[in-house]
Amino acid sequence: MGSKHNKKRYLIVKYSLNMKGTYDELVELSKKNLGSGKLVQSGVVLDLVNEEVLKCVVPGQPNLVGHIAYETLYKHFHKAYGEMLDQFIK
C-alpha cells in the first residue's frame, strides 16, 4: 500500500458468544487510530499498512501474537471478506 492508503489502516475482528453457544464474528475496517478500549474489546487486529499482527486472541485458542504470520491471518480473512478488503484498500 502506498502513502495515500496510510489512513486505511486496521482490520478489527470481535467475537461474541451467541445463543447457540457458538461465536459470531464482527469485522470492522477502521481508518482511525485504535484506542485502548477498542484494542481490549477486539480479538484480532491487523495493521494493514505495516503488515503486522497487533492482536490475535481467538476464543478457545491461546494468544497467537508472535506465533502466527500476518500473511496467514490476512489470507484467512481475505477468503471470507476479500471483496470488502479490496474495496477498503483501493
Protein backbone atom coordinates (compact mmCIF):
# COMPACT_ATOMS: atom_id res chain seq x y z
CA MET A 1 0.00 0.00 0.00
CA GLY A 2 1.27 3.44 -0.87
CA SER A 3 1.23 6.56 1.27
CA LYS A 4 -2.25 7.51 0.04
CA HIS A 5 -3.55 4.47 1.95
CA ASN A 6 -1.99 5.37 5.31
CA LYS A 7 -5.39 6.18 6.79
CA LYS A 8 -6.88 2.87 5.59
CA ARG A 9 -5.20 1.00 8.30
CA TYR A 10 -6.84 -1.62 10.54
CA LEU A 11 -8.79 -4.85 10.19
CA ILE A 12 -10.53 -5.42 13.53
CA VAL A 13 -12.38 -8.62 14.42
CA LYS A 14 -14.54 -9.01 17.52
CA TYR A 15 -16.01 -12.28 18.73
CA SER A 16 -19.25 -12.63 20.67
CA LEU A 17 -20.95 -15.70 22.07
CA ASN A 18 -24.40 -16.23 20.55
CA MET A 19 -27.47 -18.04 21.93
CA LYS A 20 -26.42 -21.33 20.26
CA GLY A 21 -23.15 -21.36 22.18
CA THR A 22 -21.02 -20.61 19.13
CA TYR A 23 -19.17 -17.42 18.30
CA ASP A 24 -20.19 -14.70 15.89
CA GLU A 25 -17.51 -12.71 14.13
CA LEU A 26 -17.92 -8.95 13.67
CA VAL A 27 -15.42 -7.47 11.22
CA GLU A 28 -14.63 -3.77 11.09
CA LEU A 29 -12.27 -1.82 8.88
CA SER A 30 -11.03 1.36 10.53
CA LYS A 31 -9.27 4.40 9.16
CA LYS A 32 -8.80 5.81 12.65
CA ASN A 33 -6.11 5.07 15.18
CA LEU A 34 -7.01 2.41 17.69
CA GLY A 35 -7.86 3.46 21.19
CA SER A 36 -7.06 1.25 24.13
CA GLY A 37 -10.75 0.36 24.56
CA LYS A 38 -11.14 -0.91 21.00
CA LEU A 39 -7.92 -2.88 21.27
CA VAL A 40 -9.09 -4.55 24.51
CA GLN A 41 -12.52 -5.45 23.05
CA SER A 42 -11.07 -6.91 19.85
CA GLY A 43 -9.99 -10.46 19.24
CA VAL A 44 -7.89 -9.89 16.13
CA VAL A 45 -6.29 -6.65 14.95
CA LEU A 46 -4.22 -6.42 11.78
CA ASP A 47 -2.29 -3.30 10.78
CA LEU A 48 -2.78 -3.29 7.00
CA VAL A 49 -0.13 -0.60 6.40
CA ASN A 50 2.77 -2.08 8.37
CA GLU A 51 1.53 -5.64 7.78
CA GLU A 52 1.64 -6.56 11.46
CA VAL A 53 -0.49 -8.66 13.77
CA LEU A 54 -1.26 -6.36 16.70
CA LYS A 55 -3.55 -8.80 18.50
CA CYS A 56 -4.73 -12.35 17.88
CA VAL A 57 -6.88 -13.81 20.64
CA VAL A 58 -9.44 -16.23 19.23
CA PRO A 59 -11.94 -17.89 21.59
CA GLY A 60 -10.72 -21.34 22.55
CA GLN A 61 -7.18 -20.68 21.29
CA PRO A 62 -4.05 -19.37 23.02
CA ASN A 63 -2.80 -15.86 22.24
CA LEU A 64 -1.22 -16.25 18.80
CA VAL A 65 0.66 -12.93 18.53
CA GLY A 66 4.23 -13.76 17.62
CA HIS A 67 3.24 -17.32 16.67
CA ILE A 68 1.22 -16.65 13.54
CA ALA A 69 2.31 -14.71 10.47
CA TYR A 70 0.48 -11.63 9.21
CA GLU A 71 0.19 -13.22 5.75
CA THR A 72 -1.54 -16.29 7.19
CA LEU A 73 -4.18 -14.24 9.01
CA TYR A 74 -4.66 -11.85 6.11
CA LYS A 75 -5.23 -14.74 3.69
CA HIS A 76 -7.69 -16.33 6.13
CA PHE A 77 -9.79 -13.17 6.40
CA HIS A 78 -9.40 -12.37 2.70
CA LYS A 79 -11.10 -15.68 1.84
CA ALA A 80 -14.23 -14.61 3.70
CA TYR A 81 -14.09 -10.83 3.34
CA GLY A 82 -11.95 -10.34 0.24
CA GLU A 83 -14.29 -8.07 -1.68
CA MET A 84 -14.74 -5.81 1.34
CA LEU A 85 -10.98 -5.68 1.99
CA ASP A 86 -10.18 -4.96 -1.65
CA GLN A 87 -12.65 -2.05 -1.76
CA PHE A 88 -11.30 -0.66 1.52
CA ILE A 89 -7.69 -0.74 0.31
CA LYS A 90 -8.45 0.91 -3.08
